[in-house]
């Protein structure tokens, strides 16, 4: 299942980065460059969307079978081997992220948790 998730994420990541780089370059040439770069990168939206959906689907399936494998796993940081990046809570890769913030009410001594999910997508 990890291989399926990795292959799908690789398709998403490659498309995401390529679209971002080409559109960023196109934007340097004003509105005409932006339009041209978006037309050029439009076909990459399909592998970007299918790759992210495949990664999320593989993560969902893995979570149902094994557990503890959330769909929004790109925001979770363990150590990568070899470890070119520091370990910690920083998001290193685009994808699906869930961020939760817990706050405590002063007088009532109750806690409230608010979670937001973000999907990184270039188009």
PDB file of N, CA and C in Angstrom:
ATOM      1  N   UNK A   1       0.823  -1.186   0.000  1.00  0.00           N
ATOM      2  CA  UNK A   1       0.000   0.000   0.000  1.00  0.00           C
ATOM      3  C   UNK A   1       0.870   1.253   0.000  1.00  0.00           C
ATOM      4  N   UNK A   2       2.012   1.200   0.700  1.00  0.00           N
ATOM      5  CA  UNK A   2       2.907   2.351   0.712  1.00  0.00           C
ATOM      6  C   UNK A   2       3.449   2.658  -0.682  1.00  0.00           C
ATOM      7  N   UNK A   3       3.702   1.612  -1.471  1.00  0.00           N
ATOM      8  CA  UNK A   3       4.210   1.810  -2.822  1.00  0.00           C
ATOM      9  C   UNK A   3       3.170   2.505  -3.700  1.00  0.00           C
ATOM     10  N   UNK A   4       1.911   2.114  -3.551  1.00  0.00           N
ATOM     11  CA  UNK A   4       0.826   2.753  -4.308  1.00  0.00           C
ATOM     12  C   UNK A   4       0.720   4.215  -3.911  1.00  0.00           C
ATOM     13  N   UNK A   5       0.733   4.461  -2.614  1.00  0.00           N
ATOM     14  CA  UNK A   5       0.644   5.831  -2.115  1.00  0.00           C
ATOM     15  C   UNK A   5       1.831   6.663  -2.595  1.00  0.00           C
ATOM     16  N   UNK A   6       3.024   6.091  -2.553  1.00  0.00           N
ATOM     17  CA  UNK A   6       4.229   6.803  -2.989  1.00  0.00           C
ATOM     18  C   UNK A   6       4.159   7.133  -4.467  1.00  0.00           C
ATOM     19  N   UNK A   7       3.755   6.177  -5.299  1.00  0.00           N
ATOM     20  CA  UNK A   7       3.679   6.412  -6.745  1.00  0.00           C
ATOM     21  C   UNK A   7       2.643   7.490  -7.062  1.00  0.00           C
ATOM     22  N   UNK A   8       1.496   7.424  -6.410  1.00  0.00           N
ATOM     23  CA  UNK A   8       0.457   8.426  -6.642  1.00  0.00           C
ATOM     24  C   UNK A   8       0.934   9.802  -6.180  1.00  0.00           C
ATOM     25  N   UNK A   9       1.569   9.843  -5.011  1.00  0.00           N
ATOM     26  CA  UNK A   9       2.049  11.127  -4.494  1.00  0.00           C
ATOM     27  C   UNK A   9       3.152  11.687  -5.385  1.00  0.00           C
ATOM     28  N   UNK A  10       3.994  10.825  -5.923  1.00  0.00           N
ATOM     29  CA  UNK A  10       5.064  11.281  -6.817  1.00  0.00           C
ATOM     30  C   UNK A  10       4.481  11.946  -8.067  1.00  0.00           C
ATOM     31  N   UNK A  11       3.404  11.376  -8.619  1.00  0.00           N
ATOM     32  CA  UNK A  11       2.742  11.987  -9.780  1.00  0.00           C
ATOM     33  C   UNK A  11       2.164  13.349  -9.403  1.00  0.00           C
ATOM     34  N   UNK A  12       1.516  13.404  -8.232  1.00  0.00           N
ATOM     35  CA  UNK A  12       0.966  14.677  -7.748  1.00  0.00           C
ATOM     36  C   UNK A  12       2.074  15.705  -7.542  1.00  0.00           C
ATOM     37  N   UNK A  13       3.108  15.311  -6.812  1.00  0.00           N
ATOM     38  CA  UNK A  13       4.182  16.233  -6.436  1.00  0.00           C
ATOM     39  C   UNK A  13       4.904  16.779  -7.668  1.00  0.00           C
ATOM     40  N   UNK A  14       5.216  15.895  -8.612  1.00  0.00           N
ATOM     41  CA  UNK A  14       5.893  16.336  -9.839  1.00  0.00           C
ATOM     42  C   UNK A  14       5.054  17.325 -10.621  1.00  0.00           C
ATOM     43  N   UNK A  15       3.768  17.041 -10.748  1.00  0.00           N
ATOM     44  CA  UNK A  15       2.870  17.952 -11.461  1.00  0.00           C
ATOM     45  C   UNK A  15       2.723  19.268 -10.711  1.00  0.00           C
ATOM     46  N   UNK A  16       2.534  19.178  -9.393  1.00  0.00           N
ATOM     47  CA  UNK A  16       2.361  20.365  -8.549  1.00  0.00           C
ATOM     48  C   UNK A  16       3.566  21.307  -8.677  1.00  0.00           C
ATOM     49  N   UNK A  17       4.758  20.747  -8.571  1.00  0.00           N
ATOM     50  CA  UNK A  17       5.965  21.569  -8.650  1.00  0.00           C
ATOM     51  C   UNK A  17       6.173  22.143 -10.051  1.00  0.00           C
ATOM     52  N   UNK A  18       5.914  21.346 -11.070  1.00  0.00           N
ATOM     53  CA  UNK A  18       6.088  21.813 -12.450  1.00  0.00           C
ATOM     54  C   UNK A  18       5.107  22.939 -12.768  1.00  0.00           C
ATOM     55  N   UNK A  19       3.848  22.739 -12.402  1.00  0.00           N
ATOM     56  CA  UNK A  19       2.836  23.780 -12.639  1.00  0.00           C
ATOM     57  C   UNK A  19       3.233  25.073 -11.925  1.00  0.00           C
ATOM     58  N   UNK A  20       3.641  24.947 -10.659  1.00  0.00           N
ATOM     59  CA  UNK A  20       4.024  26.131  -9.895  1.00  0.00           C
ATOM     60  C   UNK A  20       5.208  26.862 -10.507  1.00  0.00           C
ATOM     61  N   UNK A  21       6.210  26.109 -10.944  1.00  0.00           N
ATOM     62  CA  UNK A  21       7.417  26.729 -11.523  1.00  0.00           C
ATOM     63  C   UNK A  21       7.112  27.392 -12.864  1.00  0.00           C
ATOM     64  N   UNK A  22       6.398  26.699 -13.731  1.00  0.00           N
ATOM     65  CA  UNK A  22       6.095  27.255 -15.057  1.00  0.00           C
ATOM     66  C   UNK A  22       5.175  28.462 -14.930  1.00  0.00           C
ATOM     67  N   UNK A  23       4.148  28.368 -14.082  1.00  0.00           N
ATOM     68  CA  UNK A  23       3.249  29.514 -13.912  1.00  0.00           C
ATOM     69  C   UNK A  23       3.953  30.683 -13.237  1.00  0.00           C
ATOM     70  N   UNK A  24       4.847  30.400 -12.303  1.00  0.00           N
ATOM     71  CA  UNK A  24       5.627  31.469 -11.689  1.00  0.00           C
ATOM     72  C   UNK A  24       6.493  32.192 -12.712  1.00  0.00           C
ATOM     73  N   UNK A  25       7.107  31.415 -13.606  1.00  0.00           N
ATOM     74  CA  UNK A  25       7.920  32.001 -14.676  1.00  0.00           C
ATOM     75  C   UNK A  25       7.041  32.824 -15.611  1.00  0.00           C
ATOM     76  N   UNK A  26       5.887  32.271 -15.979  1.00  0.00           N
ATOM     77  CA  UNK A  26       4.968  32.986 -16.877  1.00  0.00           C
ATOM     78  C   UNK A  26       4.481  34.294 -16.285  1.00  0.00           C
ATOM     79  N   UNK A  27       4.254  34.298 -14.983  1.00  0.00           N
ATOM     80  CA  UNK A  27       3.787  35.516 -14.322  1.00  0.00           C
ATOM     81  C   UNK A  27       4.787  36.660 -14.421  1.00  0.00           C
ATOM     82  N   UNK A  28       6.063  36.337 -14.614  1.00  0.00           N
ATOM     83  CA  UNK A  28       7.097  37.366 -14.760  1.00  0.00           C
ATOM     84  C   UNK A  28       6.899  38.192 -16.031  1.00  0.00           C
ATOM     85  N   UNK A  29       6.106  37.688 -16.966  1.00  0.00           N
ATOM     86  CA  UNK A  29       5.884  38.358 -18.249  1.00  0.00           C
ATOM     87  C   UNK A  29       4.499  38.990 -18.341  1.00  0.00           C
ATOM     88  N   UNK A  30       3.911  39.260 -17.182  1.00  0.00           N
ATOM     89  CA  UNK A  30       2.625  39.956 -17.148  1.00  0.00           C
ATOM     90  C   UNK A  30       1.447  39.063 -17.480  1.00  0.00           C
ATOM     91  N   UNK A  31       0.311  39.676 -17.758  1.00  0.00           N
ATOM     92  CA  UNK A  31      -0.909  38.915 -17.999  1.00  0.00           C
ATOM     93  C   UNK A  31      -0.801  37.942 -19.175  1.00  0.00           C
ATOM     94  N   UNK A  32      -0.114  38.358 -20.235  1.00  0.00           N
ATOM     95  CA  UNK A  32       0.027  37.469 -21.401  1.00  0.00           C
ATOM     96  C   UNK A  32       0.850  36.238 -21.025  1.00  0.00           C
ATOM     97  N   UNK A  33       1.951  36.445 -20.326  1.00  0.00           N
ATOM     98  CA  UNK A  33       2.778  35.318 -19.884  1.00  0.00           C
ATOM     99  C   UNK A  33       2.031  34.404 -18.938  1.00  0.00           C
ATOM    100  N   UNK A  34       1.215  34.970 -18.061  1.00  0.00           N
ATOM    101  CA  UNK A  34       0.429  34.165 -17.125  1.00  0.00           C
ATOM    102  C   UNK A  34      -0.577  33.292 -17.867  1.00  0.00           C
ATOM    103  N   UNK A  35      -1.247  33.872 -18.849  1.00  0.00           N
ATOM    104  CA  UNK A  35      -2.230  33.102 -19.627  1.00  0.00           C
ATOM    105  C   UNK A  35      -1.538  31.987 -20.404  1.00  0.00           C
ATOM    106  N   UNK A  36      -0.432  32.305 -21.056  1.00  0.00           N
ATOM    107  CA  UNK A  36       0.295  31.304 -21.845  1.00  0.00           C
ATOM    108  C   UNK A  36       0.792  30.178 -20.950  1.00  0.00           C
ATOM    109  N   UNK A  37       1.353  30.508 -19.786  1.00  0.00           N
ATOM    110  CA  UNK A  37       1.871  29.465 -18.897  1.00  0.00           C
ATOM    111  C   UNK A  37       0.750  28.589 -18.354  1.00  0.00           C
ATOM    112  N   UNK A  38      -0.410  29.177 -18.070  1.00  0.00           N
ATOM    113  CA  UNK A  38      -1.541  28.374 -17.586  1.00  0.00           C
ATOM    114  C   UNK A  38      -2.077  27.445 -18.675  1.00  0.00           C
ATOM    115  N   UNK A  39      -2.059  27.912 -19.912  1.00  0.00           N
ATOM    116  CA  UNK A  39      -2.478  27.047 -21.023  1.00  0.00           C
ATOM    117  C   UNK A  39      -1.496  25.889 -21.183  1.00  0.00           C
ATOM    118  N   UNK A  40      -0.201  26.193 -21.071  1.00  0.00           N
ATOM    119  CA  UNK A  40       0.824  25.153 -21.207  1.00  0.00           C
ATOM    120  C   UNK A  40       0.702  24.102 -20.100  1.00  0.00           C
ATOM    121  N   UNK A  41       0.429  24.548 -18.875  1.00  0.00           N
ATOM    122  CA  UNK A  41       0.395  23.614 -17.741  1.00  0.00           C
ATOM    123  C   UNK A  41      -0.979  22.979 -17.511  1.00  0.00           C
ATOM    124  N   UNK A  42      -1.991  23.412 -18.238  1.00  0.00           N
ATOM    125  CA  UNK A  42      -3.344  22.870 -18.030  1.00  0.00           C
ATOM    126  C   UNK A  42      -3.403  21.342 -18.092  1.00  0.00           C
ATOM    127  N   UNK A  43      -2.710  20.680 -19.021  1.00  0.00           N
ATOM    128  CA  UNK A  43      -2.780  19.209 -19.048  1.00  0.00           C
ATOM    129  C   UNK A  43      -2.208  18.544 -17.782  1.00  0.00           C
ATOM    130  N   UNK A  44      -1.343  19.245 -17.060  1.00  0.00           N
ATOM    131  CA  UNK A  44      -0.755  18.658 -15.850  1.00  0.00           C
ATOM    132  C   UNK A  44      -1.712  18.655 -14.666  1.00  0.00           C
ATOM    133  N   UNK A  45      -2.822  19.379 -14.777  1.00  0.00           N
ATOM    134  CA  UNK A  45      -3.801  19.390 -13.692  1.00  0.00           C
ATOM    135  C   UNK A  45      -4.401  17.999 -13.508  1.00  0.00           C
ATOM    136  N   UNK A  46      -4.520  17.245 -14.585  1.00  0.00           N
ATOM    137  CA  UNK A  46      -5.108  15.896 -14.495  1.00  0.00           C
ATOM    138  C   UNK A  46      -4.223  14.957 -13.670  1.00  0.00           C
ATOM    139  N   UNK A  47      -2.926  14.801 -13.984  1.00  0.00           N
ATOM    140  CA  UNK A  47      -2.116  13.933 -13.120  1.00  0.00           C
ATOM    141  C   UNK A  47      -1.949  14.492 -11.706  1.00  0.00           C
ATOM    142  N   UNK A  48      -2.009  15.816 -11.568  1.00  0.00           N
ATOM    143  CA  UNK A  48      -1.930  16.398 -10.232  1.00  0.00           C
ATOM    144  C   UNK A  48      -3.139  15.962  -9.400  1.00  0.00           C
ATOM    145  N   UNK A  49      -4.331  16.094  -9.970  1.00  0.00           N
ATOM    146  CA  UNK A  49      -5.552  15.727  -9.254  1.00  0.00           C
ATOM    147  C   UNK A  49      -5.640  14.222  -9.024  1.00  0.00           C
ATOM    148  N   UNK A  50      -5.339  13.439 -10.035  1.00  0.00           N
ATOM    149  CA  UNK A  50      -5.407  11.982  -9.886  1.00  0.00           C
ATOM    150  C   UNK A  50      -4.345  11.470  -8.919  1.00  0.00           C
ATOM    151  N   UNK A  51      -3.176  12.075  -8.939  1.00  0.00           N
ATOM    152  CA  UNK A  51      -2.115  11.669  -8.016  1.00  0.00           C
ATOM    153  C   UNK A  51      -2.488  11.934  -6.573  1.00  0.00           C
ATOM    154  N   UNK A  52      -3.030  13.128  -6.305  1.00  0.00           N
ATOM    155  CA  UNK A  52      -3.429  13.449  -4.931  1.00  0.00           C
ATOM    156  C   UNK A  52      -4.603  12.584  -4.500  1.00  0.00           C
ATOM    157  N   UNK A  53      -5.541  12.354  -5.398  1.00  0.00           N
ATOM    158  CA  UNK A  53      -6.668  11.475  -5.071  1.00  0.00           C
ATOM    159  C   UNK A  53      -6.192  10.049  -4.822  1.00  0.00           C
ATOM    160  N   UNK A  54      -5.239   9.585  -5.621  1.00  0.00           N
ATOM    161  CA  UNK A  54      -4.693   8.233  -5.416  1.00  0.00           C
ATOM    162  C   UNK A  54      -3.963   8.110  -4.098  1.00  0.00           C
ATOM    163  N   UNK A  55      -3.194   9.128  -3.741  1.00  0.00           N
ATOM    164  CA  UNK A  55      -2.492   9.135  -2.462  1.00  0.00           C
ATOM    165  C   UNK A  55      -3.492   9.127  -1.308  1.00  0.00           C
ATOM    166  N   UNK A  56      -4.503   9.985  -1.394  1.00  0.00           N
ATOM    167  CA  UNK A  56      -5.516  10.048  -0.334  1.00  0.00           C
ATOM    168  C   UNK A  56      -6.282   8.730  -0.241  1.00  0.00           C
ATOM    169  N   UNK A  57      -6.610   8.141  -1.386  1.00  0.00           N
ATOM    170  CA  UNK A  57      -7.322   6.862  -1.386  1.00  0.00           C
ATOM    171  C   UNK A  57      -6.493   5.738  -0.787  1.00  0.00           C
ATOM    172  N   UNK A  58      -5.210   5.698  -1.115  1.00  0.00           N
ATOM    173  CA  UNK A  58      -4.323   4.676  -0.544  1.00  0.00           C
ATOM    174  C   UNK A  58      -4.164   4.886   0.955  1.00  0.00           C
ATOM    175  N   UNK A  59      -4.040   6.147   1.381  1.00  0.00           N
ATOM    176  CA  UNK A  59      -3.935   6.430   2.816  1.00  0.00           C
ATOM    177  C   UNK A  59      -5.215   6.039   3.547  1.00  0.00           C
ATOM    178  N   UNK A  60      -6.364   6.344   2.952  1.00  0.00           N
ATOM    179  CA  UNK A  60      -7.653   6.003   3.560  1.00  0.00           C
ATOM    180  C   UNK A  60      -7.782   4.489   3.711  1.00  0.00           C
ATOM    181  N   UNK A  61      -7.442   3.759   2.643  1.00  0.00           N
ATOM    182  CA  UNK A  61      -7.514   2.297   2.673  1.00  0.00           C
ATOM    183  C   UNK A  61      -6.572   1.735   3.727  1.00  0.00           C
ATOM    184  N   UNK A  62      -5.356   2.244   3.755  1.00  0.00           N
ATOM    185  CA  UNK A  62      -4.376   1.789   4.749  1.00  0.00           C
ATOM    186  C   UNK A  62      -4.873   2.066   6.169  1.00  0.00           C
ATOM    187  N   UNK A  63      -5.500   3.225   6.374  1.00  0.00           N
ATOM    188  CA  UNK A  63      -6.025   3.558   7.699  1.00  0.00           C
ATOM    189  C   UNK A  63      -7.134   2.594   8.100  1.00  0.00           C
ATOM    190  N   UNK A  64      -7.970   2.202   7.147  1.00  0.00           N
ATOM    191  CA  UNK A  64      -9.067   1.269   7.457  1.00  0.00           C
ATOM    192  C   UNK A  64      -8.538  -0.133   7.758  1.00  0.00           C
ATOM    193  N   UNK A  65      -7.443  -0.520   7.123  1.00  0.00           N
ATOM    194  CA  UNK A  65      -6.888  -1.865   7.316  1.00  0.00           C
ATOM    195  C   UNK A  65      -5.969  -1.922   8.531  1.00  0.00           C
ATOM    196  N   UNK A  66      -5.042  -0.972   8.618  1.00  0.00           N
ATOM    197  CA  UNK A  66      -4.014  -1.001   9.660  1.00  0.00           C
ATOM    198  C   UNK A  66      -4.315  -0.027  10.791  1.00  0.00           C
ATOM    199  N   UNK A  67      -4.882   1.128  10.454  1.00  0.00           N
ATOM    200  CA  UNK A  67      -5.122   2.178  11.430  1.00  0.00           C
ATOM    201  C   UNK A  67      -3.932   3.125  11.519  1.00  0.00           C
ATOM    202  N   UNK A  68      -4.160   4.265  12.117  1.00  0.00           N
ATOM    203  CA  UNK A  68      -3.124   5.266  12.365  1.00  0.00           C
ATOM    204  C   UNK A  68      -2.402   5.709  11.089  1.00  0.00           C
ATOM    205  N   UNK A  69      -3.149   5.841   9.987  1.00  0.00           N
ATOM    206  CA  UNK A  69      -2.590   6.340   8.736  1.00  0.00           C
ATOM    207  C   UNK A  69      -3.569   7.349   8.150  1.00  0.00           C
ATOM    208  N   UNK A  70      -3.564   8.585   8.670  1.00  0.00           N
ATOM    209  CA  UNK A  70      -4.555   9.564   8.230  1.00  0.00           C
ATOM    210  C   UNK A  70      -4.370   9.974   6.778  1.00  0.00           C
ATOM    211  N   UNK A  71      -5.472  10.366   6.153  1.00  0.00           N
ATOM    212  CA  UNK A  71      -5.421  10.836   4.770  1.00  0.00           C
ATOM    213  C   UNK A  71      -4.569  12.096   4.680  1.00  0.00           C
ATOM    214  N   UNK A  72      -4.688  12.962   5.653  1.00  0.00           N
ATOM    215  CA  UNK A  72      -3.938  14.227   5.656  1.00  0.00           C
ATOM    216  C   UNK A  72      -2.568  14.026   6.296  1.00  0.00           C
ATOM    217  N   UNK A  73      -1.762  13.129   5.718  1.00  0.00           N
ATOM    218  CA  UNK A  73      -0.491  12.761   6.345  1.00  0.00           C
ATOM    219  C   UNK A  73       0.700  13.597   5.900  1.00  0.00           C
ATOM    220  N   UNK A  74       0.545  14.468   4.911  1.00  0.00           N
ATOM    221  CA  UNK A  74       1.696  15.254   4.461  1.00  0.00           C
ATOM    222  C   UNK A  74       2.151  16.278   5.500  1.00  0.00           C
ATOM    223  N   UNK A  75       1.299  16.593   6.461  1.00  0.00           N
ATOM    224  CA  UNK A  75       1.672  17.533   7.503  1.00  0.00           C
ATOM    225  C   UNK A  75       2.324  16.876   8.699  1.00  0.00           C
ATOM    226  N   UNK A  76       2.292  15.550   8.771  1.00  0.00           N
ATOM    227  CA  UNK A  76       2.909  14.843   9.891  1.00  0.00           C
ATOM    228  C   UNK A  76       4.381  14.643   9.585  1.00  0.00           C
ATOM    229  N   UNK A  77       5.227  14.900  10.536  1.00  0.00           N
ATOM    230  CA  UNK A  77       6.649  14.794  10.298  1.00  0.00           C
ATOM    231  C   UNK A  77       7.275  13.765  11.191  1.00  0.00           C
ATOM    232  N   UNK A  78       7.809  12.777  10.571  1.00  0.00           N
ATOM    233  CA  UNK A  78       8.722  11.875  11.246  1.00  0.00           C
ATOM    234  C   UNK A  78      10.084  12.227  10.683  1.00  0.00           C
ATOM    235  N   UNK A  79      11.022  11.340  10.766  1.00  0.00           N
ATOM    236  CA  UNK A  79      12.317  11.581  10.153  1.00  0.00           C
ATOM    237  C   UNK A  79      12.363  10.843   8.824  1.00  0.00           C
ATOM    238  N   UNK A  80      12.866  11.500   7.814  1.00  0.00           N
ATOM    239  CA  UNK A  80      13.060  10.853   6.526  1.00  0.00           C
ATOM    240  C   UNK A  80      14.435  10.214   6.509  1.00  0.00           C
ATOM    241  N   UNK A  81      14.545   9.073   5.900  1.00  0.00           N
ATOM    242  CA  UNK A  81      15.838   8.394   5.808  1.00  0.00           C
ATOM    243  C   UNK A  81      16.241   8.288   4.352  1.00  0.00           C
ATOM    244  N   UNK A  82      17.401   8.766   3.930  1.00  0.00           N
ATOM    245  CA  UNK A  82      18.303   9.566   4.756  1.00  0.00           C
ATOM    246  C   UNK A  82      17.622  10.874   5.107  1.00  0.00           C
ATOM    247  N   UNK A  83      18.032  11.494   6.184  1.00  0.00           N
ATOM    248  CA  UNK A  83      17.321  12.631   6.742  1.00  0.00           C
ATOM    249  C   UNK A  83      17.931  13.966   6.310  1.00  0.00           C
ATOM    250  N   UNK A  84      17.529  14.493   5.122  1.00  0.00           N
ATOM    251  CA  UNK A  84      18.062  15.788   4.701  1.00  0.00           C
ATOM    252  C   UNK A  84      17.329  16.947   5.378  1.00  0.00           C
ATOM    253  N   UNK A  85      16.191  16.663   6.006  1.00  0.00           N
ATOM    254  CA  UNK A  85      15.382  17.701   6.629  1.00  0.00           C
ATOM    255  C   UNK A  85      15.309  17.467   8.133  1.00  0.00           C
ATOM    256  N   UNK A  86      15.238  18.533   8.903  1.00  0.00           N
ATOM    257  CA  UNK A  86      15.102  18.344  10.346  1.00  0.00           C
ATOM    258  C   UNK A  86      13.736  17.758  10.693  1.00  0.00           C
ATOM    259  N   UNK A  87      13.690  16.984  11.762  1.00  0.00           N
ATOM    260  CA  UNK A  87      12.410  16.442  12.216  1.00  0.00           C
ATOM    261  C   UNK A  87      11.672  17.536  12.966  1.00  0.00           C
ATOM    262  N   UNK A  88      10.365  17.465  12.970  1.00  0.00           N
ATOM    263  CA  UNK A  88       9.601  18.452  13.719  1.00  0.00           C
ATOM    264  C   UNK A  88       8.227  18.635  13.123  1.00  0.00           C
ATOM    265  N   UNK A  89       7.551  19.693  13.505  1.00  0.00           N
ATOM    266  CA  UNK A  89       6.171  19.915  13.116  1.00  0.00           C
ATOM    267  C   UNK A  89       5.983  20.750  11.872  1.00  0.00           C
ATOM    268  N   UNK A  90       7.042  21.112  11.194  1.00  0.00           N
ATOM    269  CA  UNK A  90       6.926  21.934   9.999  1.00  0.00           C
ATOM    270  C   UNK A  90       6.465  21.080   8.829  1.00  0.00           C
ATOM    271  N   UNK A  91       5.596  21.653   7.996  1.00  0.00           N
ATOM    272  CA  UNK A  91       5.143  20.950   6.808  1.00  0.00           C
ATOM    273  C   UNK A  91       6.184  21.115   5.719  1.00  0.00           C
ATOM    274  N   UNK A  92       6.731  20.020   5.250  1.00  0.00           N
ATOM    275  CA  UNK A  92       7.758  20.074   4.222  1.00  0.00           C
ATOM    276  C   UNK A  92       7.222  19.835   2.824  1.00  0.00           C
ATOM    277  N   UNK A  93       6.128  19.103   2.704  1.00  0.00           N
ATOM    278  CA  UNK A  93       5.635  18.717   1.395  1.00  0.00           C
ATOM    279  C   UNK A  93       4.209  19.199   1.193  1.00  0.00           C
ATOM    280  N   UNK A  94       3.845  19.562  -0.044  1.00  0.00           N
ATOM    281  CA  UNK A  94       2.456  19.922  -0.311  1.00  0.00           C
ATOM    282  C   UNK A  94       1.581  18.680  -0.268  1.00  0.00           C
ATOM    283  N   UNK A  95       0.307  18.872  -0.158  1.00  0.00           N
ATOM    284  CA  UNK A  95      -0.640  17.758  -0.120  1.00  0.00           C
ATOM    285  C   UNK A  95      -1.873  18.139   0.662  1.00  0.00           C
ATOM    286  N   UNK A  96      -2.319  17.229   1.523  1.00  0.00           N
ATOM    287  CA  UNK A  96      -3.493  17.456   2.358  1.00  0.00           C
ATOM    288  C   UNK A  96      -3.011  17.561   3.796  1.00  0.00           C
ATOM    289  N   UNK A  97      -3.350  18.667   4.442  1.00  0.00           N
ATOM    290  CA  UNK A  97      -2.888  18.916   5.804  1.00  0.00           C
ATOM    291  C   UNK A  97      -4.072  19.210   6.711  1.00  0.00           C
ATOM    292  N   UNK A  98      -4.049  18.683   7.914  1.00  0.00           N
ATOM    293  CA  UNK A  98      -5.035  19.039   8.921  1.00  0.00           C
ATOM    294  C   UNK A  98      -4.294  19.665  10.088  1.00  0.00           C
ATOM    295  N   UNK A  99      -4.734  20.848  10.459  1.00  0.00           N
ATOM    296  CA  UNK A  99      -4.141  21.567  11.581  1.00  0.00           C
ATOM    297  C   UNK A  99      -5.211  21.768  12.637  1.00  0.00           C
ATOM    298  N   UNK A 100      -4.897  21.389  13.868  1.00  0.00           N
ATOM    299  CA  UNK A 100      -5.848  21.545  14.966  1.00  0.00           C
ATOM    300  C   UNK A 100      -5.272  22.485  16.015  1.00  0.00           C
ATOM    301  N   UNK A 101      -6.125  23.341  16.542  1.00  0.00           N
ATOM    302  CA  UNK A 101      -5.746  24.269  17.599  1.00  0.00           C
ATOM    303  C   UNK A 101      -6.692  24.045  18.772  1.00  0.00           C
ATOM    304  N   UNK A 102      -6.122  23.839  19.951  1.00  0.00           N
ATOM    305  CA  UNK A 102      -6.925  23.631  21.154  1.00  0.00           C
ATOM    306  C   UNK A 102      -6.821  24.871  22.030  1.00  0.00           C
ATOM    307  N   UNK A 103      -7.975  25.351  22.461  1.00  0.00           N
ATOM    308  CA  UNK A 103      -7.989  26.506  23.355  1.00  0.00           C
ATOM    309  C   UNK A 103      -8.787  26.157  24.604  1.00  0.00           C
ATOM    310  N   UNK A 104      -8.458  26.842  25.696  1.00  0.00           N
ATOM    311  CA  UNK A 104      -9.136  26.578  26.954  1.00  0.00           C
ATOM    312  C   UNK A 104      -9.924  27.806  27.363  1.00  0.00           C
ATOM    313  N   UNK A 105     -11.157  27.574  27.783  1.00  0.00           N
ATOM    314  CA  UNK A 105     -11.997  28.643  28.281  1.00  0.00           C
ATOM    315  C   UNK A 105     -11.635  28.895  29.742  1.00  0.00           C
ATOM    316  N   UNK A 106     -11.354  30.146  30.081  1.00  0.00           N
ATOM    317  CA  UNK A 106     -10.847  30.505  31.404  1.00  0.00           C
ATOM    318  C   UNK A 106     -11.708  30.067  32.573  1.00  0.00           C
ATOM    319  N   UNK A 107     -12.912  30.604  32.708  1.00  0.00           N
ATOM    320  CA  UNK A 107     -13.707  30.356  33.906  1.00  0.00           C
ATOM    321  C   UNK A 107     -14.346  28.972  33.921  1.00  0.00           C
ATOM    322  N   UNK A 108     -14.663  28.449  32.760  1.00  0.00           N
ATOM    323  CA  UNK A 108     -15.353  27.157  32.711  1.00  0.00           C
ATOM    324  C   UNK A 108     -14.395  25.978  32.693  1.00  0.00           C
ATOM    325  N   UNK A 109     -13.126  26.230  32.489  1.00  0.00           N
ATOM    326  CA  UNK A 109     -12.104  25.178  32.426  1.00  0.00           C
ATOM    327  C   UNK A 109     -12.472  24.090  31.413  1.00  0.00           C
ATOM    328  N   UNK A 110     -12.968  24.513  30.273  1.00  0.00           N
ATOM    329  CA  UNK A 110     -13.285  23.578  29.200  1.00  0.00           C
ATOM    330  C   UNK A 110     -12.344  23.832  28.038  1.00  0.00           C
ATOM    331  N   UNK A 111     -12.098  22.811  27.274  1.00  0.00           N
ATOM    332  CA  UNK A 111     -11.243  22.961  26.103  1.00  0.00           C
ATOM    333  C   UNK A 111     -12.086  22.834  24.850  1.00  0.00           C
ATOM    334  N   UNK A 112     -11.642  23.542  23.827  1.00  0.00           N
ATOM    335  CA  UNK A 112     -12.308  23.490  22.538  1.00  0.00           C
ATOM    336  C   UNK A 112     -11.232  23.291  21.483  1.00  0.00           C
ATOM    337  N   UNK A 113     -11.425  22.321  20.602  1.00  0.00           N
ATOM    338  CA  UNK A 113     -10.476  22.063  19.531  1.00  0.00           C
ATOM    339  C   UNK A 113     -11.118  22.400  18.191  1.00  0.00           C
ATOM    340  N   UNK A 114     -10.405  23.173  17.402  1.00  0.00           N
ATOM    341  CA  UNK A 114     -10.862  23.542  16.067  1.00  0.00           C
ATOM    342  C   UNK A 114      -9.841  23.031  15.067  1.00  0.00           C
ATOM    343  N   UNK A 115     -10.300  22.267  14.088  1.00  0.00           N
ATOM    344  CA  UNK A 115      -9.407  21.705  13.075  1.00  0.00           C
ATOM    345  C   UNK A 115      -9.770  22.241  11.695  1.00  0.00           C
ATOM    346  N   UNK A 116      -8.754  22.487  10.885  1.00  0.00           N
ATOM    347  CA  UNK A 116      -8.943  22.924   9.507  1.00  0.00           C
ATOM    348  C   UNK A 116      -8.117  22.026   8.598  1.00  0.00           C
ATOM    349  N   UNK A 117      -8.694  21.702   7.449  1.00  0.00           N
ATOM    350  CA  UNK A 117      -7.992  20.910   6.453  1.00  0.00           C
ATOM    351  C   UNK A 117      -7.680  21.787   5.254  1.00  0.00           C
ATOM    352  N   UNK A 118      -6.445  21.700   4.778  1.00  0.00           N
ATOM    353  CA  UNK A 118      -6.001  22.478   3.627  1.00  0.00           C
ATOM    354  C   UNK A 118      -5.523  21.510   2.548  1.00  0.00           C
ATOM    355  N   UNK A 119      -5.894  21.784   1.306  1.00  0.00           N
ATOM    356  CA  UNK A 119      -5.426  21.004   0.170  1.00  0.00           C
ATOM    357  C   UNK A 119      -4.595  21.913  -0.716  1.00  0.00           C
ATOM    358  N   UNK A 120      -3.348  21.513  -0.965  1.00  0.00           N
ATOM    359  CA  UNK A 120      -2.452  22.290  -1.828  1.00  0.00           C
ATOM    360  C   UNK A 120      -2.644  21.818  -3.267  1.00  0.00           C
ATOM    361  N   UNK A 121      -3.019  22.759  -4.130  1.00  0.00           N
ATOM    362  CA  UNK A 121      -3.294  22.391  -5.510  1.00  0.00           C
ATOM    363  C   UNK A 121      -2.946  23.570  -6.397  1.00  0.00           C
ATOM    364  N   UNK A 122      -2.174  23.351  -7.459  1.00  0.00           N
ATOM    365  CA  UNK A 122      -1.857  24.376  -8.456  1.00  0.00           C
ATOM    366  C   UNK A 122      -2.723  24.154  -9.674  1.00  0.00           C
ATOM    367  N   UNK A 123      -3.263  25.234 -10.227  1.00  0.00           N
ATOM    368  CA  UNK A 123      -4.001  25.128 -11.478  1.00  0.00           C
ATOM    369  C   UNK A 123      -3.998  26.449 -12.188  1.00  0.00           C
TER     370      UNK A 123
END
